[in-house]
Amino acid sequence: MTTIVHKFAWPDRVVVGTIGQPGSRSFYLQVRNGAQLVSVGLEKEQSALLAEKIDEILDELKTAEGNPFSIPETTPIELVDNDPLEPVDEQFRTGAMSLGWDPSTVQVVIEAYPLTDTEDDSAVDAEPSEVEPAELLVVRIPVGTARAFAKRTREIVGAGRPMCPFCGMPMEPGRHVCELPDGL
């Protein structure tokens, strides 16, 4: 079976966004180039880790002698994208992801693989490199766009339910039962 690869080399738009209310939000990585639009489902934790790791890569490259790739320290204001997601038609739910750096094009490379069915014996017994995914999303973004992507993603992740100042757990609207730590 041949893998369907959704490639975006210089996308018009790449964002993480959500659908739903805090506490029951669904997260999506959405990429558009012209009329081509792909949305893949993510977990909140995957979104947060993706933003963190992109910033780590950019910060490490920025400290290279002479900053040869012109890595921006802050998010370029002209690249900020606070618009909502475009209509979502989930291509697949993301399982594994990889993140890389291509110095020849000065781009961060994101790869998203579909969640595998753990009940499939061939997927459990095979080596990861032997299992060919049905689909794959490959997104290549320049450093300024990567900085803006990470900033927006951190904001989206942080816009969920407020945390209880006493127990540190997310508070549900109107019905939080707080389990206070011992000694309070």
C-alpha atoms as a PDB file:
ATOM      1  CA  MET A   1       0.000   0.000   0.000  1.00  0.00           C
ATOM      2  CA  THR A   2       1.344   3.415  -0.960  1.00  0.00           C
ATOM      3  CA  THR A   3       1.352   6.129   1.697  1.00  0.00           C
ATOM      4  CA  ILE A   4      -0.684   9.236   0.875  1.00  0.00           C
ATOM      5  CA  VAL A   5       1.637  12.151   1.695  1.00  0.00           C
ATOM      6  CA  HIS A   6       0.121  15.582   2.272  1.00  0.00           C
ATOM      7  CA  LYS A   7       3.109  17.890   1.597  1.00  0.00           C
ATOM      8  CA  PHE A   8       3.257  21.592   2.318  1.00  0.00           C
ATOM      9  CA  ALA A   9       6.623  23.158   1.458  1.00  0.00           C
ATOM     10  CA  TRP A  10       5.730  26.868   1.896  1.00  0.00           C
ATOM     11  CA  PRO A  11       2.142  26.893   3.256  1.00  0.00           C
ATOM     12  CA  ASP A  12      -0.035  29.999   3.207  1.00  0.00           C
ATOM     13  CA  ARG A  13      -1.243  29.118   6.706  1.00  0.00           C
ATOM     14  CA  VAL A  14      -0.277  26.666   9.452  1.00  0.00           C
ATOM     15  CA  VAL A  15      -1.991  26.832  12.862  1.00  0.00           C
ATOM     16  CA  VAL A  16      -3.175  24.844  15.824  1.00  0.00           C
ATOM     17  CA  GLY A  17      -6.763  25.635  16.754  1.00  0.00           C
ATOM     18  CA  THR A  18      -9.654  24.141  18.656  1.00  0.00           C
ATOM     19  CA  ILE A  19     -13.316  23.338  18.303  1.00  0.00           C
ATOM     20  CA  GLY A  20     -15.537  23.173  21.378  1.00  0.00           C
ATOM     21  CA  GLN A  21     -15.659  24.648  24.846  1.00  0.00           C
ATOM     22  CA  PRO A  22     -12.834  24.508  27.421  1.00  0.00           C
ATOM     23  CA  GLY A  23     -12.882  21.099  29.025  1.00  0.00           C
ATOM     24  CA  SER A  24     -14.177  19.400  25.879  1.00  0.00           C
ATOM     25  CA  ARG A  25     -12.107  21.006  23.127  1.00  0.00           C
ATOM     26  CA  SER A  26     -10.743  19.111  20.142  1.00  0.00           C
ATOM     27  CA  PHE A  27      -7.327  20.276  18.910  1.00  0.00           C
ATOM     28  CA  TYR A  28      -6.344  20.397  15.241  1.00  0.00           C
ATOM     29  CA  LEU A  29      -3.210  21.125  13.259  1.00  0.00           C
ATOM     30  CA  GLN A  30      -4.478  22.835  10.115  1.00  0.00           C
ATOM     31  CA  VAL A  31      -2.407  23.636   7.039  1.00  0.00           C
ATOM     32  CA  ARG A  32      -3.487  25.455   3.886  1.00  0.00           C
ATOM     33  CA  ASN A  33      -1.776  26.270   0.634  1.00  0.00           C
ATOM     34  CA  GLY A  34      -4.124  27.769  -1.944  1.00  0.00           C
ATOM     35  CA  ALA A  35      -7.150  25.476  -2.172  1.00  0.00           C
ATOM     36  CA  GLN A  36      -5.385  22.544  -0.480  1.00  0.00           C
ATOM     37  CA  LEU A  37      -6.494  22.329   3.170  1.00  0.00           C
ATOM     38  CA  VAL A  38      -5.597  19.527   5.578  1.00  0.00           C
ATOM     39  CA  SER A  39      -6.653  19.217   9.227  1.00  0.00           C
ATOM     40  CA  VAL A  40      -5.306  16.511  11.523  1.00  0.00           C
ATOM     41  CA  GLY A  41      -6.500  15.913  15.068  1.00  0.00           C
ATOM     42  CA  LEU A  42      -4.070  16.362  17.965  1.00  0.00           C
ATOM     43  CA  GLU A  43      -4.122  15.925  21.698  1.00  0.00           C
ATOM     44  CA  LYS A  44      -3.689  19.038  23.836  1.00  0.00           C
ATOM     45  CA  GLU A  45      -0.401  17.633  25.161  1.00  0.00           C
ATOM     46  CA  GLN A  46       0.892  17.031  21.622  1.00  0.00           C
ATOM     47  CA  SER A  47       0.087  20.637  20.738  1.00  0.00           C
ATOM     48  CA  ALA A  48       1.895  21.985  23.807  1.00  0.00           C
ATOM     49  CA  LEU A  49       4.943  19.788  23.241  1.00  0.00           C
ATOM     50  CA  LEU A  50       5.103  20.732  19.554  1.00  0.00           C
ATOM     51  CA  ALA A  51       5.215  24.454  20.422  1.00  0.00           C
ATOM     52  CA  GLU A  52       7.810  23.866  23.140  1.00  0.00           C
ATOM     53  CA  LYS A  53      10.106  21.845  20.877  1.00  0.00           C
ATOM     54  CA  ILE A  54       9.834  24.318  17.990  1.00  0.00           C
ATOM     55  CA  ASP A  55      10.905  27.122  20.327  1.00  0.00           C
ATOM     56  CA  GLU A  56      13.773  24.947  21.625  1.00  0.00           C
ATOM     57  CA  ILE A  57      15.049  24.330  18.083  1.00  0.00           C
ATOM     58  CA  LEU A  58      14.800  28.012  17.177  1.00  0.00           C
ATOM     59  CA  ASP A  59      16.440  29.147  20.429  1.00  0.00           C
ATOM     60  CA  GLU A  60      19.324  26.725  19.908  1.00  0.00           C
ATOM     61  CA  LEU A  61      19.824  27.886  16.315  1.00  0.00           C
ATOM     62  CA  LYS A  62      19.618  31.546  17.378  1.00  0.00           C
ATOM     63  CA  THR A  63      22.586  31.066  19.713  1.00  0.00           C
ATOM     64  CA  ALA A  64      24.775  29.699  16.916  1.00  0.00           C
ATOM     65  CA  GLU A  65      27.705  31.988  16.256  1.00  0.00           C
ATOM     66  CA  GLY A  66      26.520  34.930  14.186  1.00  0.00           C
ATOM     67  CA  ASN A  67      22.924  33.574  14.005  1.00  0.00           C
ATOM     68  CA  PRO A  68      23.557  32.419  10.407  1.00  0.00           C
ATOM     69  CA  PHE A  69      19.893  31.547   9.805  1.00  0.00           C
ATOM     70  CA  SER A  70      18.504  34.918  11.047  1.00  0.00           C
ATOM     71  CA  ILE A  71      16.320  33.276  13.681  1.00  0.00           C
ATOM     72  CA  PRO A  72      13.960  35.889  15.173  1.00  0.00           C
ATOM     73  CA  GLU A  73      14.071  36.252  18.944  1.00  0.00           C
ATOM     74  CA  THR A  74      10.407  37.195  19.137  1.00  0.00           C
ATOM     75  CA  THR A  75       7.372  36.567  16.984  1.00  0.00           C
ATOM     76  CA  PRO A  76       7.288  38.802  13.901  1.00  0.00           C
ATOM     77  CA  ILE A  77       4.059  40.804  14.314  1.00  0.00           C
ATOM     78  CA  GLU A  78       3.174  40.516  10.616  1.00  0.00           C
ATOM     79  CA  LEU A  79       3.071  36.711  10.943  1.00  0.00           C
ATOM     80  CA  VAL A  80       0.656  36.592  13.901  1.00  0.00           C
ATOM     81  CA  ASP A  81      -2.468  34.610  12.948  1.00  0.00           C
ATOM     82  CA  ASN A  82      -5.338  34.805  15.428  1.00  0.00           C
ATOM     83  CA  ASP A  83      -8.078  33.806  12.996  1.00  0.00           C
ATOM     84  CA  PRO A  84     -10.254  30.778  13.785  1.00  0.00           C
ATOM     85  CA  LEU A  85      -9.802  27.456  12.063  1.00  0.00           C
ATOM     86  CA  GLU A  86     -11.214  27.094   8.593  1.00  0.00           C
ATOM     87  CA  PRO A  87     -13.922  24.411   8.243  1.00  0.00           C
ATOM     88  CA  VAL A  88     -12.446  21.194   9.657  1.00  0.00           C
ATOM     89  CA  ASP A  89     -12.609  17.881   7.855  1.00  0.00           C
ATOM     90  CA  GLU A  90     -10.273  15.695   9.954  1.00  0.00           C
ATOM     91  CA  GLN A  91      -7.907  13.783   7.679  1.00  0.00           C
ATOM     92  CA  PHE A  92      -6.667  11.586  10.527  1.00  0.00           C
ATOM     93  CA  ARG A  93      -6.000  11.587  14.270  1.00  0.00           C
ATOM     94  CA  THR A  94      -2.296  12.109  14.969  1.00  0.00           C
ATOM     95  CA  GLY A  95      -0.312   9.431  16.770  1.00  0.00           C
ATOM     96  CA  ALA A  96       3.438   9.949  16.412  1.00  0.00           C
ATOM     97  CA  MET A  97       5.039  13.201  15.337  1.00  0.00           C
ATOM     98  CA  SER A  98       8.560  14.175  14.387  1.00  0.00           C
ATOM     99  CA  LEU A  99      10.204  17.547  14.250  1.00  0.00           C
ATOM    100  CA  GLY A 100      13.310  18.475  12.326  1.00  0.00           C
ATOM    101  CA  TRP A 101      15.396  21.243  10.823  1.00  0.00           C
ATOM    102  CA  ASP A 102      16.370  21.653   7.176  1.00  0.00           C
ATOM    103  CA  PRO A 103      19.340  24.053   6.934  1.00  0.00           C
ATOM    104  CA  SER A 104      19.240  24.003   3.114  1.00  0.00           C
ATOM    105  CA  THR A 105      15.848  25.764   3.079  1.00  0.00           C
ATOM    106  CA  VAL A 106      16.030  27.270   6.599  1.00  0.00           C
ATOM    107  CA  GLN A 107      12.769  25.582   7.592  1.00  0.00           C
ATOM    108  CA  VAL A 108      11.356  23.676  10.526  1.00  0.00           C
ATOM    109  CA  VAL A 109       9.896  20.360   9.369  1.00  0.00           C
ATOM    110  CA  ILE A 110       6.862  18.837  11.106  1.00  0.00           C
ATOM    111  CA  GLU A 111       5.747  15.296  10.296  1.00  0.00           C
ATOM    112  CA  ALA A 112       2.471  13.906  11.659  1.00  0.00           C
ATOM    113  CA  TYR A 113       1.620  10.212  11.420  1.00  0.00           C
ATOM    114  CA  PRO A 114      -1.846   8.739  11.978  1.00  0.00           C
ATOM    115  CA  LEU A 115      -2.702   7.026  15.215  1.00  0.00           C
ATOM    116  CA  THR A 116      -2.185   3.309  14.667  1.00  0.00           C
ATOM    117  CA  ASP A 117      -4.666   0.645  15.613  1.00  0.00           C
ATOM    118  CA  THR A 118      -2.928  -1.195  18.471  1.00  0.00           C
ATOM    119  CA  GLU A 119      -5.234  -4.153  17.945  1.00  0.00           C
ATOM    120  CA  ASP A 120      -3.724  -4.753  14.507  1.00  0.00           C
ATOM    121  CA  ASP A 121      -1.222  -7.605  15.011  1.00  0.00           C
ATOM    122  CA  SER A 122       0.998  -6.461  12.154  1.00  0.00           C
ATOM    123  CA  ALA A 123       1.384  -3.009  13.751  1.00  0.00           C
ATOM    124  CA  VAL A 124       2.209  -4.454  17.181  1.00  0.00           C
ATOM    125  CA  ASP A 125       4.729  -7.052  16.024  1.00  0.00           C
ATOM    126  CA  ALA A 126       6.502  -5.018  13.364  1.00  0.00           C
ATOM    127  CA  GLU A 127       9.324  -2.570  13.849  1.00  0.00           C
ATOM    128  CA  PRO A 128       8.158   1.076  13.577  1.00  0.00           C
ATOM    129  CA  SER A 129      10.143   1.565  10.361  1.00  0.00           C
ATOM    130  CA  GLU A 130       8.449  -1.497   8.834  1.00  0.00           C
ATOM    131  CA  VAL A 131       4.904  -0.214   9.343  1.00  0.00           C
ATOM    132  CA  GLU A 132       3.954   1.997   6.416  1.00  0.00           C
ATOM    133  CA  PRO A 133       1.318   4.549   7.423  1.00  0.00           C
ATOM    134  CA  ALA A 134      -1.754   5.035   5.251  1.00  0.00           C
ATOM    135  CA  GLU A 135      -1.219   8.814   5.358  1.00  0.00           C
ATOM    136  CA  LEU A 136       1.436  11.299   6.406  1.00  0.00           C
ATOM    137  CA  LEU A 137       1.423  15.077   6.820  1.00  0.00           C
ATOM    138  CA  VAL A 138       4.705  16.888   6.108  1.00  0.00           C
ATOM    139  CA  VAL A 139       4.820  20.634   6.784  1.00  0.00           C
ATOM    140  CA  ARG A 140       7.891  22.792   6.139  1.00  0.00           C
ATOM    141  CA  ILE A 141       7.756  26.303   7.592  1.00  0.00           C
ATOM    142  CA  PRO A 142      10.258  29.167   7.648  1.00  0.00           C
ATOM    143  CA  VAL A 143      11.659  30.357  10.974  1.00  0.00           C
ATOM    144  CA  GLY A 144       9.439  33.436  11.406  1.00  0.00           C
ATOM    145  CA  THR A 145       6.316  31.424  10.702  1.00  0.00           C
ATOM    146  CA  ALA A 146       7.557  28.721  13.090  1.00  0.00           C
ATOM    147  CA  ARG A 147       7.978  31.332  15.849  1.00  0.00           C
ATOM    148  CA  ALA A 148       4.436  32.655  15.219  1.00  0.00           C
ATOM    149  CA  PHE A 149       3.048  29.088  15.099  1.00  0.00           C
ATOM    150  CA  ALA A 150       4.608  28.230  18.476  1.00  0.00           C
ATOM    151  CA  LYS A 151       3.308  31.443  20.079  1.00  0.00           C
ATOM    152  CA  ARG A 152      -0.262  30.894  18.867  1.00  0.00           C
ATOM    153  CA  THR A 153      -0.169  27.231  19.900  1.00  0.00           C
ATOM    154  CA  ARG A 154       0.942  28.113  23.458  1.00  0.00           C
ATOM    155  CA  GLU A 155      -1.894  30.657  23.669  1.00  0.00           C
ATOM    156  CA  ILE A 156      -4.474  28.141  22.387  1.00  0.00           C
ATOM    157  CA  VAL A 157      -3.314  25.483  24.868  1.00  0.00           C
ATOM    158  CA  GLY A 158      -3.359  28.001  27.727  1.00  0.00           C
ATOM    159  CA  ALA A 159      -6.875  29.221  26.918  1.00  0.00           C
ATOM    160  CA  GLY A 160      -8.561  26.218  28.515  1.00  0.00           C
ATOM    161  CA  ARG A 161     -10.237  25.903  31.883  1.00  0.00           C
ATOM    162  CA  PRO A 162      -8.773  27.972  34.726  1.00  0.00           C
ATOM    163  CA  MET A 163      -6.697  26.111  37.304  1.00  0.00           C
ATOM    164  CA  CYS A 164      -7.866  25.917  40.933  1.00  0.00           C
ATOM    165  CA  PRO A 165      -5.497  27.955  43.111  1.00  0.00           C
ATOM    166  CA  PHE A 166      -5.887  25.404  45.927  1.00  0.00           C
ATOM    167  CA  CYS A 167      -5.601  21.945  44.354  1.00  0.00           C
ATOM    168  CA  GLY A 168      -4.097  22.865  40.966  1.00  0.00           C
ATOM    169  CA  MET A 169      -6.714  20.913  38.997  1.00  0.00           C
ATOM    170  CA  PRO A 170      -8.757  22.386  36.112  1.00  0.00           C
ATOM    171  CA  MET A 171     -12.020  23.903  37.322  1.00  0.00           C
ATOM    172  CA  GLU A 172     -15.238  22.893  35.592  1.00  0.00           C
ATOM    173  CA  PRO A 173     -17.702  25.774  35.158  1.00  0.00           C
ATOM    174  CA  GLY A 174     -19.987  25.857  38.198  1.00  0.00           C
ATOM    175  CA  ARG A 175     -19.101  22.446  39.636  1.00  0.00           C
ATOM    176  CA  HIS A 176     -15.506  22.209  40.844  1.00  0.00           C
ATOM    177  CA  VAL A 177     -14.984  19.950  43.830  1.00  0.00           C
ATOM    178  CA  CYS A 178     -11.636  20.839  45.324  1.00  0.00           C
ATOM    179  CA  GLU A 179      -9.588  18.287  47.176  1.00  0.00           C
ATOM    180  CA  LEU A 180      -7.421  20.464  49.356  1.00  0.00           C
ATOM    181  CA  PRO A 181      -3.893  19.253  50.104  1.00  0.00           C
ATOM    182  CA  ASP A 182      -3.299  17.887  53.613  1.00  0.00           C
ATOM    183  CA  GLY A 183      -2.679  20.543  56.238  1.00  0.00           C
ATOM    184  CA  LEU A 184      -5.000  23.239  54.850  1.00  0.00           C
END
